Amino acid sequence: MEVIGLLKVKFDTQRVSDRFQKREFILTTETNTPYPQHVSFQVTQDKCSMLDSYREGDELRVQFNLRGREWNGPQGVKYFNTLEAWRIEKVQSGAPSPSQAQAAPRQNTESTSASPVFNSDINDNDDLPF
C-alpha cells in the first residue's frame, strides 16, 4: 500500500531487545480537509535510519504493509495493527501534490468519487496474489 503526506513527527529509535529496534513516525494526510489525519507508521531494524534524511514538514511517499496480531492477556484477547513502512521517498517538488492530483481530470473510466486515503499501485512489488 502507499500513502502520501507530510512528515509531522519522527521519533528516536527504540531498542526493544538486543536483536530488535524500531522507530515510529507520524504522517499527516488529507491536509486540505477540515479533518487532517495523523497516521502512525513504524520502521524496524536496519530501516530505522531511512528517516534520518527527512525533516518534519517534508512531503513523503510511504509504501507500507498492514500487519495485525493477536494478544491474549489477563483481560482477554486483544488485536493490534501496525503500519510497517518499507520504502520512504520525498515527493518531488515538480510532481503534483495529492490535492492537485485529485483536481486533475482523469484519463480513464474510473469512478470520480473521492479517492481513499491509502492507495495501492499496480506497480507495487508485494507478494499478494491479487
Protein backbone atom coordinates (compact mmCIF):
# COMPACT_ATOMS: atom_id res chain seq x y z
CA MET A 1 0.00 0.00 0.00
CA GLU A 2 1.05 3.57 -0.47
CA VAL A 3 0.18 6.94 1.04
CA ILE A 4 1.45 10.50 0.54
CA GLY A 5 1.52 13.03 3.36
CA LEU A 6 3.56 15.48 5.38
CA LEU A 7 6.07 14.25 7.97
CA LYS A 8 4.70 15.61 11.23
CA VAL A 9 6.96 13.93 13.80
CA LYS A 10 9.79 11.42 13.74
CA PHE A 11 10.74 9.77 16.99
CA ASP A 12 14.07 8.38 18.15
CA THR A 13 14.94 4.74 17.54
CA GLN A 14 13.86 2.46 20.39
CA ARG A 15 15.90 -0.62 21.19
CA VAL A 16 13.29 -3.17 22.28
CA SER A 17 15.77 -6.03 22.80
CA ASP A 18 19.33 -6.95 21.87
CA ARG A 19 18.14 -8.08 18.44
CA PHE A 20 15.20 -5.75 17.72
CA GLN A 21 14.83 -2.00 17.25
CA LYS A 22 12.03 0.17 15.90
CA ARG A 23 11.35 3.80 15.07
CA GLU A 24 7.96 5.45 14.76
CA PHE A 25 6.88 8.48 12.77
CA ILE A 26 3.64 10.37 12.12
CA LEU A 27 2.46 11.27 8.63
CA THR A 28 -0.32 13.84 8.18
CA THR A 29 -2.69 13.04 5.30
CA GLU A 30 -5.77 14.84 3.99
CA THR A 31 -4.20 18.19 4.81
CA ASN A 32 -6.62 20.04 2.52
CA THR A 33 -9.67 18.95 4.55
CA PRO A 34 -11.07 20.24 7.85
CA TYR A 35 -10.06 16.92 9.46
CA PRO A 36 -6.45 16.03 8.61
CA GLN A 37 -5.43 12.50 9.57
CA HIS A 38 -2.31 11.88 11.65
CA VAL A 39 -1.25 8.31 10.89
CA SER A 40 1.39 6.44 12.87
CA PHE A 41 3.91 4.26 11.00
CA GLN A 42 6.95 2.33 12.12
CA VAL A 43 10.19 1.10 10.59
CA THR A 44 12.25 -1.71 12.08
CA GLN A 45 15.80 -2.99 12.25
CA ASP A 46 18.13 -1.54 9.58
CA LYS A 47 15.30 0.56 8.12
CA CYS A 48 15.31 2.85 11.19
CA SER A 49 17.96 5.01 9.53
CA MET A 50 15.70 5.68 6.49
CA LEU A 51 14.13 8.62 8.35
CA ASP A 52 17.44 10.37 9.05
CA SER A 53 17.49 12.32 5.80
CA TYR A 54 13.95 13.72 6.12
CA ARG A 55 12.78 16.75 8.08
CA GLU A 56 9.45 17.48 9.67
CA GLY A 57 7.25 19.17 7.06
CA ASP A 58 8.67 17.19 4.12
CA GLU A 59 6.09 15.67 1.78
CA LEU A 60 6.76 11.93 1.67
CA ARG A 61 5.51 8.92 -0.24
CA VAL A 62 5.42 5.94 2.12
CA GLN A 63 4.97 2.36 0.95
CA PHE A 64 3.96 0.06 3.77
CA ASN A 65 2.48 -3.26 4.83
CA LEU A 66 -0.51 -3.59 7.13
CA ARG A 67 0.29 -6.00 9.98
CA GLY A 68 -2.09 -7.36 12.61
CA ARG A 69 -1.56 -9.54 15.64
CA GLU A 70 -3.49 -11.15 18.46
CA TRP A 71 -2.53 -10.79 22.12
CA ASN A 72 -4.04 -12.99 24.80
CA GLY A 73 -3.71 -11.11 28.10
CA PRO A 74 -5.31 -11.14 31.55
CA GLN A 75 -8.34 -9.14 30.33
CA GLY A 76 -8.86 -11.39 27.33
CA VAL A 77 -7.88 -11.37 23.68
CA LYS A 78 -6.95 -8.04 22.07
CA TYR A 79 -5.97 -7.23 18.50
CA PHE A 80 -3.37 -4.72 17.35
CA ASN A 81 -2.49 -3.26 13.95
CA THR A 82 0.80 -1.84 12.73
CA LEU A 83 1.61 0.07 9.56
CA GLU A 84 5.16 -1.05 8.77
CA ALA A 85 6.91 1.20 6.25
CA TRP A 86 9.39 -0.45 3.89
CA ARG A 87 10.07 2.42 1.46
CA ILE A 88 10.08 6.16 2.09
CA GLU A 89 10.84 8.77 -0.53
CA LYS A 90 10.45 12.50 -0.76
CA VAL A 91 7.81 13.69 -3.21
CA GLN A 92 9.49 15.71 -5.95
CA SER A 93 8.58 19.41 -5.90
CA GLY A 94 7.57 19.27 -9.59
CA ALA A 95 5.19 16.34 -9.03
CA PRO A 96 1.56 17.14 -8.34
CA SER A 97 0.55 17.10 -4.69
CA PRO A 98 -2.28 14.80 -3.61
CA SER A 99 -4.75 17.69 -3.73
CA GLN A 100 -3.59 18.69 -7.24
CA ALA A 101 -3.71 15.09 -8.44
CA GLN A 102 -7.33 14.77 -7.29
CA ALA A 103 -8.25 18.02 -9.04
CA ALA A 104 -6.73 16.90 -12.36
CA PRO A 105 -9.13 15.37 -14.87
CA ARG A 106 -8.95 11.58 -15.05
CA GLN A 107 -7.88 9.87 -18.23
CA ASN A 108 -9.55 6.53 -17.57
CA THR A 109 -13.09 5.34 -16.95
CA GLU A 110 -12.80 5.04 -13.15
CA SER A 111 -15.49 6.48 -10.95
CA THR A 112 -14.78 10.07 -9.96
CA SER A 113 -15.87 9.59 -6.34
CA ALA A 114 -13.48 10.61 -3.58
CA SER A 115 -10.27 8.57 -3.53
CA PRO A 116 -9.39 6.56 -0.43
CA VAL A 117 -6.54 7.72 1.78
CA PHE A 118 -4.47 4.60 1.16
CA ASN A 119 -3.99 3.77 -2.49
CA SER A 120 -2.44 0.68 -3.99
CA ASP A 121 -0.43 0.94 -7.15
CA ILE A 122 -0.40 -1.70 -9.86
CA ASN A 123 3.41 -1.45 -9.82
CA ASP A 124 3.68 -2.40 -6.13
CA ASN A 125 6.15 -5.19 -5.50
CA ASP A 126 4.17 -7.02 -2.87
CA ASP A 127 3.74 -10.77 -2.70
CA LEU A 128 -0.03 -10.85 -2.68
CA PRO A 129 -1.62 -12.94 -5.46
CA PHE A 130 -4.43 -10.45 -6.04
